[in-house]
Amino acid sequence: WHDLGVSQGEEYDYLYLPPETLGWAGPLALRLQNPNSGWNTLNLAHEVKEYVKNSATYSLDTPRPPADTEDFVYWFLNESDTGYCVHFASAATVLLRAAGIPARYVEGYTVDVDPGKTTVRGDMAHAWVEYYVEELGWVILDPTPSDTGASTPPETTAPTEPTTVPTTQAAAPSVTTSP
């Protein structure tokens, strides 16, 4: 776990998916591998981002899934035509994990930081994904469509500690081990 930036004693499984979810997400993740771009983690993560980003329209007025829905992400990708950052980040986390890429769902705030005083408001709350690349560590991926008006975390190498994020854009995320 040390290689994934996890302190000794913390036990996270950044690849775990319930068998039912892996049953539909695994084949979809395989289809997203673009043979023309040469398969590697960064290319596949980009394909996942584009697929999820284009899967629905951003809307805070997205209805709840029906009460009998057993898989929130399946419902979002196959039945909903709208979603917000939680939907997009959850879907990308599932697809990355299904592709064998360690991924974690992250919630926090995205803030454009100015020198001096910065105000963080509730409407700056956001969700995104971090995925692990051996040579880079944790990398931020934001699959939420950019036309939301919200600031998004930069897609750069993320910190190796689960409770910190780059101070230039985001502050105080919490780590959730499964979407």
N, C-alpha and C. Protein backbone atom coordinates (compact mmCIF):
# COMPACT_ATOMS: atom_id res chain seq x y z
N TRP A 1 0.81 -1.20 0.00
CA TRP A 1 0.00 0.00 0.00
C TRP A 1 0.85 1.26 0.00
N HIS A 2 2.09 1.13 0.49
CA HIS A 2 2.95 2.30 0.52
C HIS A 2 3.12 2.89 -0.89
N ASP A 3 3.18 2.04 -1.89
CA ASP A 3 3.34 2.52 -3.27
C ASP A 3 2.14 3.36 -3.73
N LEU A 4 1.00 3.20 -3.08
CA LEU A 4 -0.19 3.96 -3.46
C LEU A 4 -0.37 5.19 -2.58
N GLY A 5 0.66 5.55 -1.81
CA GLY A 5 0.58 6.74 -0.98
C GLY A 5 -0.31 6.56 0.22
N VAL A 6 -0.47 5.35 0.69
CA VAL A 6 -1.31 5.07 1.84
C VAL A 6 -0.41 4.76 3.02
N SER A 7 -0.67 5.40 4.14
CA SER A 7 0.13 5.17 5.34
C SER A 7 -0.08 3.76 5.85
N GLN A 8 0.93 3.25 6.53
CA GLN A 8 0.83 1.91 7.08
C GLN A 8 -0.35 1.85 8.06
N GLY A 9 -1.10 0.80 8.02
CA GLY A 9 -2.26 0.64 8.89
C GLY A 9 -3.56 1.04 8.21
N GLU A 10 -3.51 1.88 7.16
CA GLU A 10 -4.72 2.21 6.42
C GLU A 10 -4.95 1.12 5.38
N GLU A 11 -6.18 0.68 5.27
CA GLU A 11 -6.48 -0.37 4.30
C GLU A 11 -7.58 0.10 3.35
N TYR A 12 -7.17 0.46 2.16
CA TYR A 12 -8.10 0.86 1.12
C TYR A 12 -7.90 -0.10 -0.04
N ASP A 13 -8.97 -0.46 -0.70
CA ASP A 13 -8.85 -1.27 -1.90
C ASP A 13 -9.31 -0.41 -3.06
N TYR A 14 -8.38 0.21 -3.74
CA TYR A 14 -8.68 1.15 -4.81
C TYR A 14 -9.07 0.46 -6.11
N LEU A 15 -9.18 -0.87 -6.10
CA LEU A 15 -9.64 -1.61 -7.27
C LEU A 15 -10.97 -2.31 -7.03
N TYR A 16 -11.48 -2.29 -5.81
CA TYR A 16 -12.67 -3.07 -5.47
C TYR A 16 -13.91 -2.56 -6.22
N LEU A 17 -14.66 -3.51 -6.74
CA LEU A 17 -16.00 -3.29 -7.27
C LEU A 17 -16.83 -4.51 -6.91
N PRO A 18 -18.11 -4.32 -6.59
CA PRO A 18 -18.96 -5.49 -6.37
C PRO A 18 -19.01 -6.32 -7.65
N PRO A 19 -19.13 -7.64 -7.54
CA PRO A 19 -19.15 -8.50 -8.73
C PRO A 19 -20.20 -8.09 -9.77
N GLU A 20 -21.38 -7.66 -9.31
CA GLU A 20 -22.43 -7.26 -10.25
C GLU A 20 -22.00 -6.03 -11.06
N THR A 21 -21.32 -5.10 -10.40
CA THR A 21 -20.85 -3.90 -11.08
C THR A 21 -19.74 -4.24 -12.06
N LEU A 22 -18.81 -5.07 -11.63
CA LEU A 22 -17.71 -5.48 -12.50
C LEU A 22 -18.25 -6.21 -13.73
N GLY A 23 -19.38 -6.92 -13.57
CA GLY A 23 -19.97 -7.65 -14.68
C GLY A 23 -20.36 -6.78 -15.86
N TRP A 24 -20.85 -5.58 -15.61
CA TRP A 24 -21.19 -4.68 -16.73
C TRP A 24 -20.09 -3.66 -17.00
N ALA A 25 -19.35 -3.24 -15.95
CA ALA A 25 -18.35 -2.19 -16.12
C ALA A 25 -17.07 -2.71 -16.78
N GLY A 26 -16.71 -3.98 -16.52
CA GLY A 26 -15.50 -4.54 -17.12
C GLY A 26 -15.54 -4.53 -18.64
N PRO A 27 -16.60 -5.07 -19.25
CA PRO A 27 -16.67 -5.03 -20.72
C PRO A 27 -16.71 -3.60 -21.28
N LEU A 28 -17.37 -2.68 -20.57
CA LEU A 28 -17.40 -1.30 -21.04
C LEU A 28 -16.00 -0.69 -20.98
N ALA A 29 -15.27 -0.93 -19.90
CA ALA A 29 -13.91 -0.41 -19.79
C ALA A 29 -13.01 -0.96 -20.89
N LEU A 30 -13.19 -2.21 -21.25
CA LEU A 30 -12.41 -2.80 -22.35
C LEU A 30 -12.71 -2.11 -23.68
N ARG A 31 -13.99 -1.79 -23.90
CA ARG A 31 -14.38 -1.11 -25.14
C ARG A 31 -13.79 0.29 -25.25
N LEU A 32 -13.48 0.90 -24.10
CA LEU A 32 -12.96 2.27 -24.11
C LEU A 32 -11.47 2.33 -24.45
N GLN A 33 -10.81 1.20 -24.44
CA GLN A 33 -9.38 1.19 -24.78
C GLN A 33 -9.22 1.48 -26.26
N ASN A 34 -8.58 2.58 -26.57
CA ASN A 34 -8.39 3.02 -27.94
C ASN A 34 -7.10 2.41 -28.49
N PRO A 35 -7.20 1.44 -29.41
CA PRO A 35 -5.99 0.80 -29.93
C PRO A 35 -5.11 1.75 -30.73
N ASN A 36 -5.67 2.83 -31.24
CA ASN A 36 -4.89 3.79 -32.02
C ASN A 36 -4.00 4.69 -31.16
N SER A 37 -4.34 4.83 -29.87
CA SER A 37 -3.56 5.71 -29.00
C SER A 37 -2.50 4.95 -28.22
N GLY A 38 -2.43 3.65 -28.40
CA GLY A 38 -1.47 2.86 -27.64
C GLY A 38 -1.95 2.79 -26.20
N TRP A 39 -2.22 1.59 -25.72
CA TRP A 39 -2.82 1.48 -24.40
C TRP A 39 -1.80 1.78 -23.32
N ASN A 40 -2.13 2.70 -22.47
CA ASN A 40 -1.42 2.91 -21.22
C ASN A 40 -2.41 3.56 -20.26
N THR A 41 -2.03 3.69 -19.02
CA THR A 41 -2.95 4.19 -18.00
C THR A 41 -3.44 5.59 -18.32
N LEU A 42 -2.55 6.47 -18.72
CA LEU A 42 -2.96 7.86 -19.01
C LEU A 42 -3.93 7.94 -20.18
N ASN A 43 -3.69 7.18 -21.24
CA ASN A 43 -4.59 7.18 -22.38
C ASN A 43 -5.96 6.61 -22.03
N LEU A 44 -5.97 5.51 -21.28
CA LEU A 44 -7.26 4.92 -20.90
C LEU A 44 -8.02 5.85 -19.96
N ALA A 45 -7.32 6.49 -19.03
CA ALA A 45 -7.99 7.45 -18.14
C ALA A 45 -8.62 8.58 -18.95
N HIS A 46 -7.94 9.03 -19.98
CA HIS A 46 -8.50 10.07 -20.85
C HIS A 46 -9.76 9.57 -21.56
N GLU A 47 -9.72 8.35 -22.05
CA GLU A 47 -10.90 7.77 -22.72
C GLU A 47 -12.07 7.64 -21.75
N VAL A 48 -11.80 7.22 -20.53
CA VAL A 48 -12.84 7.12 -19.50
C VAL A 48 -13.43 8.49 -19.24
N LYS A 49 -12.57 9.48 -19.07
CA LYS A 49 -13.03 10.85 -18.81
C LYS A 49 -13.96 11.32 -19.93
N GLU A 50 -13.54 11.15 -21.17
CA GLU A 50 -14.35 11.61 -22.31
C GLU A 50 -15.69 10.87 -22.38
N TYR A 51 -15.65 9.57 -22.15
CA TYR A 51 -16.88 8.78 -22.19
C TYR A 51 -17.86 9.27 -21.12
N VAL A 52 -17.38 9.40 -19.89
CA VAL A 52 -18.25 9.81 -18.79
C VAL A 52 -18.72 11.24 -19.00
N LYS A 53 -17.82 12.13 -19.37
CA LYS A 53 -18.16 13.54 -19.57
C LYS A 53 -19.27 13.70 -20.62
N ASN A 54 -19.25 12.84 -21.64
CA ASN A 54 -20.24 12.93 -22.72
C ASN A 54 -21.47 12.04 -22.50
N SER A 55 -21.55 11.40 -21.35
CA SER A 55 -22.65 10.47 -21.10
C SER A 55 -23.94 11.14 -20.67
N ALA A 56 -23.85 12.38 -20.19
CA ALA A 56 -25.04 13.07 -19.70
C ALA A 56 -24.78 14.57 -19.71
N THR A 57 -25.84 15.32 -19.52
CA THR A 57 -25.76 16.77 -19.40
C THR A 57 -25.65 17.13 -17.93
N TYR A 58 -24.84 18.12 -17.62
CA TYR A 58 -24.70 18.57 -16.23
C TYR A 58 -25.96 19.29 -15.78
N SER A 59 -26.49 18.89 -14.63
CA SER A 59 -27.64 19.58 -14.04
C SER A 59 -27.73 19.26 -12.56
N LEU A 60 -27.85 20.31 -11.75
CA LEU A 60 -28.06 20.10 -10.31
C LEU A 60 -29.49 19.63 -10.04
N ASP A 61 -30.36 19.71 -11.03
CA ASP A 61 -31.75 19.28 -10.89
C ASP A 61 -31.95 17.83 -11.30
N THR A 62 -30.89 17.04 -11.29
CA THR A 62 -30.99 15.62 -11.65
C THR A 62 -31.87 14.89 -10.64
N PRO A 63 -32.85 14.14 -11.12
CA PRO A 63 -33.70 13.40 -10.18
C PRO A 63 -32.93 12.26 -9.51
N ARG A 64 -33.45 11.83 -8.39
CA ARG A 64 -32.88 10.65 -7.72
C ARG A 64 -33.17 9.42 -8.56
N PRO A 65 -32.28 8.41 -8.45
CA PRO A 65 -32.58 7.15 -9.14
C PRO A 65 -33.86 6.53 -8.57
N PRO A 66 -34.58 5.74 -9.35
CA PRO A 66 -35.76 5.06 -8.82
C PRO A 66 -35.39 4.23 -7.59
N ALA A 67 -36.35 4.05 -6.71
CA ALA A 67 -36.10 3.34 -5.44
C ALA A 67 -35.59 1.91 -5.65
N ASP A 68 -35.97 1.28 -6.75
CA ASP A 68 -35.53 -0.11 -6.98
C ASP A 68 -34.18 -0.20 -7.69
N THR A 69 -33.50 0.93 -7.88
CA THR A 69 -32.19 0.94 -8.55
C THR A 69 -31.15 0.31 -7.64
N GLU A 70 -30.47 -0.70 -8.15
CA GLU A 70 -29.46 -1.39 -7.36
C GLU A 70 -28.06 -0.86 -7.63
N ASP A 71 -27.83 -0.23 -8.76
CA ASP A 71 -26.50 0.25 -9.11
C ASP A 71 -26.62 1.69 -9.60
N PHE A 72 -26.26 2.61 -8.73
CA PHE A 72 -26.34 4.04 -8.99
C PHE A 72 -25.59 4.44 -10.26
N VAL A 73 -24.37 3.92 -10.46
CA VAL A 73 -23.57 4.29 -11.62
C VAL A 73 -24.16 3.70 -12.90
N TYR A 74 -24.63 2.47 -12.86
CA TYR A 74 -25.28 1.88 -14.03
C TYR A 74 -26.48 2.73 -14.44
N TRP A 75 -27.29 3.11 -13.45
CA TRP A 75 -28.45 3.96 -13.72
C TRP A 75 -28.02 5.26 -14.38
N PHE A 76 -26.98 5.91 -13.83
CA PHE A 76 -26.52 7.18 -14.39
C PHE A 76 -26.05 7.02 -15.83
N LEU A 77 -25.23 6.01 -16.10
CA LEU A 77 -24.68 5.85 -17.45
C LEU A 77 -25.68 5.35 -18.47
N ASN A 78 -26.70 4.62 -18.03
CA ASN A 78 -27.60 3.98 -18.99
C ASN A 78 -29.03 4.51 -19.01
N GLU A 79 -29.45 5.18 -17.95
CA GLU A 79 -30.85 5.59 -17.89
C GLU A 79 -31.07 7.07 -17.65
N SER A 80 -30.11 7.74 -17.03
CA SER A 80 -30.26 9.16 -16.75
C SER A 80 -29.67 9.98 -17.89
N ASP A 81 -30.27 11.11 -18.17
CA ASP A 81 -29.68 11.98 -19.19
C ASP A 81 -29.07 13.23 -18.56
N THR A 82 -29.10 13.33 -17.22
CA THR A 82 -28.46 14.43 -16.51
C THR A 82 -27.72 13.90 -15.29
N GLY A 83 -26.83 14.73 -14.78
CA GLY A 83 -26.10 14.39 -13.57
C GLY A 83 -25.29 15.58 -13.10
N TYR A 84 -24.71 15.47 -11.91
CA TYR A 84 -23.81 16.51 -11.42
C TYR A 84 -22.52 15.82 -10.99
N CYS A 85 -21.60 16.55 -10.41
CA CYS A 85 -20.24 16.06 -10.20
C CYS A 85 -20.18 14.71 -9.50
N VAL A 86 -21.06 14.45 -8.55
CA VAL A 86 -21.06 13.16 -7.84
C VAL A 86 -21.32 12.02 -8.82
N HIS A 87 -22.24 12.21 -9.74
CA HIS A 87 -22.55 11.19 -10.75
C HIS A 87 -21.36 10.93 -11.66
N PHE A 88 -20.80 12.01 -12.20
CA PHE A 88 -19.68 11.89 -13.14
C PHE A 88 -18.45 11.27 -12.47
N ALA A 89 -18.12 11.73 -11.27
CA ALA A 89 -16.94 11.20 -10.56
C ALA A 89 -17.14 9.75 -10.16
N SER A 90 -18.33 9.39 -9.72
CA SER A 90 -18.60 7.99 -9.36
C SER A 90 -18.45 7.08 -10.58
N ALA A 91 -19.00 7.51 -11.70
CA ALA A 91 -18.93 6.70 -12.92
C ALA A 91 -17.48 6.51 -13.37
N ALA A 92 -16.69 7.57 -13.34
CA ALA A 92 -15.29 7.46 -13.76
C ALA A 92 -14.51 6.56 -12.80
N THR A 93 -14.79 6.65 -11.51
CA THR A 93 -14.12 5.79 -10.54
C THR A 93 -14.40 4.33 -10.83
N VAL A 94 -15.66 4.00 -11.09
CA VAL A 94 -16.04 2.62 -11.38
C VAL A 94 -15.35 2.13 -12.66
N LEU A 95 -15.36 2.93 -13.71
CA LEU A 95 -14.77 2.49 -14.98
C LEU A 95 -13.25 2.36 -14.89
N LEU A 96 -12.60 3.25 -14.17
CA LEU A 96 -11.15 3.12 -13.98
C LEU A 96 -10.82 1.84 -13.22
N ARG A 97 -11.56 1.59 -12.14
CA ARG A 97 -11.33 0.36 -11.37
C ARG A 97 -11.61 -0.88 -12.22
N ALA A 98 -12.65 -0.82 -13.01
CA ALA A 98 -13.00 -1.96 -13.87
C ALA A 98 -11.89 -2.23 -14.88
N ALA A 99 -11.15 -1.19 -15.24
CA ALA A 99 -10.03 -1.33 -16.18
C ALA A 99 -8.75 -1.75 -15.48
N GLY A 100 -8.81 -1.93 -14.16
CA GLY A 100 -7.63 -2.34 -13.41
C GLY A 100 -6.74 -1.19 -12.98
N ILE A 101 -7.27 0.03 -13.02
CA ILE A 101 -6.51 1.20 -12.60
C ILE A 101 -6.97 1.60 -11.20
N PRO A 102 -6.08 1.63 -10.22
CA PRO A 102 -6.48 2.05 -8.87
C PRO A 102 -7.06 3.47 -8.93
N ALA A 103 -8.24 3.65 -8.35
CA ALA A 103 -8.91 4.94 -8.40
C ALA A 103 -9.66 5.19 -7.10
N ARG A 104 -9.74 6.48 -6.74
CA ARG A 104 -10.50 6.87 -5.55
C ARG A 104 -11.38 8.07 -5.88
N TYR A 105 -12.56 8.04 -5.31
CA TYR A 105 -13.55 9.12 -5.43
C TYR A 105 -13.19 10.15 -4.37
N VAL A 106 -13.17 11.42 -4.74
CA VAL A 106 -12.77 12.48 -3.82
C VAL A 106 -13.82 13.58 -3.81
N GLU A 107 -14.13 14.07 -2.63
CA GLU A 107 -15.00 15.23 -2.49
C GLU A 107 -14.23 16.33 -1.78
N GLY A 108 -14.48 17.55 -2.17
CA GLY A 108 -13.82 18.69 -1.53
C GLY A 108 -14.38 19.97 -2.11
N TYR A 109 -13.54 20.95 -2.21
CA TYR A 109 -13.94 22.25 -2.74
C TYR A 109 -12.95 22.65 -3.82
N THR A 110 -13.44 23.26 -4.87
CA THR A 110 -12.56 23.81 -5.88
C THR A 110 -12.64 25.33 -5.78
N VAL A 111 -11.49 25.92 -5.62
CA VAL A 111 -11.42 27.33 -5.33
C VAL A 111 -10.33 27.97 -6.17
N ASP A 112 -10.62 29.07 -6.81
CA ASP A 112 -9.59 29.88 -7.45
C ASP A 112 -8.97 30.73 -6.35
N VAL A 113 -7.71 30.48 -6.06
CA VAL A 113 -7.05 31.13 -4.93
C VAL A 113 -6.36 32.41 -5.41
N ASP A 114 -6.69 33.51 -4.75
CA ASP A 114 -6.03 34.79 -5.00
C ASP A 114 -5.11 35.07 -3.82
N PRO A 115 -4.04 35.84 -4.07
CA PRO A 115 -3.20 36.22 -2.92
C PRO A 115 -4.05 36.96 -1.89
N GLY A 116 -3.81 36.67 -0.66
CA GLY A 116 -4.59 37.31 0.39
C GLY A 116 -5.72 36.42 0.83
N LYS A 117 -6.87 37.01 1.06
CA LYS A 117 -8.03 36.30 1.59
C LYS A 117 -8.80 35.58 0.48
N THR A 118 -9.16 34.31 0.71
CA THR A 118 -9.96 33.54 -0.22
C THR A 118 -11.20 33.04 0.50
N THR A 119 -12.34 33.20 -0.12
CA THR A 119 -13.59 32.75 0.47
C THR A 119 -13.97 31.41 -0.14
N VAL A 120 -14.33 30.46 0.72
CA VAL A 120 -14.79 29.15 0.27
C VAL A 120 -16.25 29.03 0.66
N ARG A 121 -17.11 28.88 -0.36
CA ARG A 121 -18.55 28.79 -0.14
C ARG A 121 -19.04 27.37 -0.43
N GLY A 122 -20.18 27.03 0.09
CA GLY A 122 -20.77 25.72 -0.13
C GLY A 122 -20.99 25.38 -1.58
N ASP A 123 -21.26 26.40 -2.41
CA ASP A 123 -21.48 26.12 -3.84
C ASP A 123 -20.18 25.82 -4.58
N MET A 124 -19.06 25.82 -3.87
CA MET A 124 -17.78 25.45 -4.45
C MET A 124 -17.46 23.97 -4.19
N ALA A 125 -18.40 23.27 -3.55
CA ALA A 125 -18.20 21.84 -3.31
C ALA A 125 -18.12 21.12 -4.64
N HIS A 126 -17.30 20.08 -4.70
CA HIS A 126 -17.11 19.38 -5.96
C HIS A 126 -16.66 17.95 -5.68
N ALA A 127 -16.81 17.08 -6.65
CA ALA A 127 -16.32 15.70 -6.57
C ALA A 127 -15.51 15.43 -7.83
N TRP A 128 -14.43 14.68 -7.68
CA TRP A 128 -13.58 14.31 -8.80
C TRP A 128 -12.95 12.96 -8.49
N VAL A 129 -12.05 12.53 -9.33
CA VAL A 129 -11.41 11.22 -9.19
C VAL A 129 -9.91 11.42 -9.13
N GLU A 130 -9.24 10.56 -8.40
CA GLU A 130 -7.79 10.45 -8.47
C GLU A 130 -7.48 9.01 -8.84
N TYR A 131 -6.58 8.84 -9.79
CA TYR A 131 -6.16 7.49 -10.19
C TYR A 131 -4.65 7.39 -10.04
N TYR A 132 -4.18 6.16 -9.87
CA TYR A 132 -2.77 5.96 -9.56
C TYR A 132 -1.98 5.52 -10.78
N VAL A 133 -0.86 6.19 -11.00
CA VAL A 133 0.09 5.84 -12.06
C VAL A 133 1.43 5.61 -11.37
N GLU A 134 2.00 4.46 -11.58
CA GLU A 134 3.24 4.07 -10.91
C GLU A 134 4.31 5.16 -10.95
N GLU A 135 4.55 5.76 -12.10
CA GLU A 135 5.62 6.73 -12.27
C GLU A 135 5.27 8.11 -11.73
N LEU A 136 4.00 8.40 -11.54
CA LEU A 136 3.56 9.75 -11.17
C LEU A 136 2.94 9.85 -9.79
N GLY A 137 2.36 8.77 -9.29
CA GLY A 137 1.58 8.84 -8.06
C GLY A 137 0.11 9.08 -8.41
N TRP A 138 -0.61 9.72 -7.52
CA TRP A 138 -2.03 9.98 -7.74
C TRP A 138 -2.21 11.15 -8.70
N VAL A 139 -3.05 10.95 -9.70
CA VAL A 139 -3.31 11.94 -10.74
C VAL A 139 -4.78 12.33 -10.67
N ILE A 140 -5.05 13.63 -10.72
CA ILE A 140 -6.43 14.13 -10.66
C ILE A 140 -7.09 14.01 -12.04
N LEU A 141 -8.32 13.54 -12.04
CA LEU A 141 -9.12 13.46 -13.26
C LEU A 141 -10.50 14.00 -12.93
N ASP A 142 -10.94 15.00 -13.67
CA ASP A 142 -12.26 15.58 -13.43
C ASP A 142 -13.14 15.32 -14.64
N PRO A 143 -14.04 14.34 -14.57
CA PRO A 143 -14.89 14.00 -15.71
C PRO A 143 -16.17 14.83 -15.82
N THR A 144 -16.38 15.75 -14.89
CA THR A 144 -17.58 16.59 -14.95
C THR A 144 -17.43 17.56 -16.12
N PRO A 145 -18.47 17.70 -16.95
CA PRO A 145 -18.38 18.64 -18.08
C PRO A 145 -17.96 20.02 -17.59
N SER A 146 -17.09 20.67 -18.34
CA SER A 146 -16.51 21.95 -17.90
C SER A 146 -17.46 23.13 -18.04
N ASP A 147 -18.60 22.94 -18.67
CA ASP A 147 -19.53 24.06 -18.84
C ASP A 147 -20.44 24.26 -17.63
N THR A 148 -20.04 23.70 -16.47
CA THR A 148 -20.84 23.81 -15.25
C THR A 148 -20.71 25.16 -14.59
N GLY A 149 -19.66 25.92 -14.95
CA GLY A 149 -19.42 27.19 -14.29
C GLY A 149 -18.58 27.04 -13.04
N ALA A 150 -18.33 25.82 -12.60
CA ALA A 150 -17.53 25.60 -11.40
C ALA A 150 -16.07 25.47 -11.77
N SER A 151 -15.22 25.92 -10.88
CA SER A 151 -13.79 25.71 -11.06
C SER A 151 -13.52 24.23 -10.82
N THR A 152 -12.58 23.66 -11.55
CA THR A 152 -12.28 22.26 -11.38
C THR A 152 -10.82 22.07 -11.03
N PRO A 153 -10.49 21.00 -10.31
CA PRO A 153 -9.10 20.78 -9.96
C PRO A 153 -8.27 20.53 -11.22
N PRO A 154 -7.01 20.96 -11.21
CA PRO A 154 -6.18 20.74 -12.38
C PRO A 154 -5.85 19.26 -12.52
N GLU A 155 -5.71 18.79 -13.76
CA GLU A 155 -5.36 17.40 -13.99
C GLU A 155 -3.85 17.28 -14.03
N THR A 156 -3.29 17.22 -12.86
CA THR A 156 -1.85 17.10 -12.70
C THR A 156 -1.57 16.01 -11.69
N THR A 157 -0.31 15.80 -11.40
CA THR A 157 0.02 14.82 -10.39
C THR A 157 -0.58 15.27 -9.07
N ALA A 158 -1.34 14.41 -8.46
CA ALA A 158 -1.98 14.72 -7.20
C ALA A 158 -1.04 14.35 -6.06
N PRO A 159 -1.33 14.82 -4.87
CA PRO A 159 -0.49 14.48 -3.74
C PRO A 159 -0.59 13.00 -3.40
N THR A 160 0.37 12.52 -2.64
CA THR A 160 0.36 11.11 -2.28
C THR A 160 -0.37 10.84 -0.97
N GLU A 161 -0.72 11.86 -0.24
CA GLU A 161 -1.48 11.67 0.99
C GLU A 161 -2.96 11.83 0.69
N PRO A 162 -3.81 10.93 1.15
CA PRO A 162 -5.23 10.98 0.82
C PRO A 162 -5.96 12.22 1.31
N THR A 163 -5.41 12.98 2.26
CA THR A 163 -6.16 14.10 2.82
C THR A 163 -5.67 15.45 2.36
N THR A 164 -4.81 15.52 1.32
CA THR A 164 -4.37 16.80 0.84
C THR A 164 -4.59 16.89 -0.67
N VAL A 165 -4.70 18.12 -1.16
CA VAL A 165 -4.84 18.35 -2.58
C VAL A 165 -3.99 19.55 -2.95
N PRO A 166 -3.73 19.79 -4.22
CA PRO A 166 -2.94 20.97 -4.61
C PRO A 166 -3.58 22.24 -4.08
N THR A 167 -2.80 23.10 -3.46
CA THR A 167 -3.35 24.30 -2.85
C THR A 167 -3.68 25.38 -3.85
N THR A 168 -3.29 25.21 -5.10
CA THR A 168 -3.59 26.23 -6.10
C THR A 168 -5.04 26.20 -6.56
N GLN A 169 -5.74 25.08 -6.36
CA GLN A 169 -7.10 24.99 -6.86
C GLN A 169 -8.10 24.45 -5.85
N ALA A 170 -7.72 23.49 -5.05
CA ALA A 170 -8.72 22.82 -4.23
C ALA A 170 -8.26 22.77 -2.78
N ALA A 171 -9.21 22.62 -1.88
CA ALA A 171 -8.87 22.56 -0.47
C ALA A 171 -9.70 21.52 0.25
N ALA A 172 -9.10 20.86 1.21
CA ALA A 172 -9.75 19.97 2.16
C ALA A 172 -10.65 18.90 1.59
N PRO A 173 -10.14 18.03 0.73
CA PRO A 173 -10.99 16.94 0.27
C PRO A 173 -11.12 15.86 1.32
N SER A 174 -12.14 15.07 1.20
CA SER A 174 -12.24 13.87 2.01
C SER A 174 -12.14 12.70 1.06
N VAL A 175 -11.64 11.59 1.54
CA VAL A 175 -11.47 10.41 0.69
C VAL A 175 -12.56 9.42 1.00
N THR A 176 -13.21 8.94 -0.03
CA THR A 176 -14.20 7.90 0.09
C THR A 176 -13.69 6.71 -0.71
N THR A 177 -13.73 5.54 -0.14
CA THR A 177 -13.10 4.39 -0.81
C THR A 177 -13.97 3.76 -1.86
N SER A 178 -15.24 4.02 -1.88
CA SER A 178 -16.07 3.47 -2.95
C SER A 178 -17.15 4.49 -3.27
N PRO A 179 -17.49 4.61 -4.55
CA PRO A 179 -18.48 5.62 -4.94
C PRO A 179 -19.87 5.26 -4.47
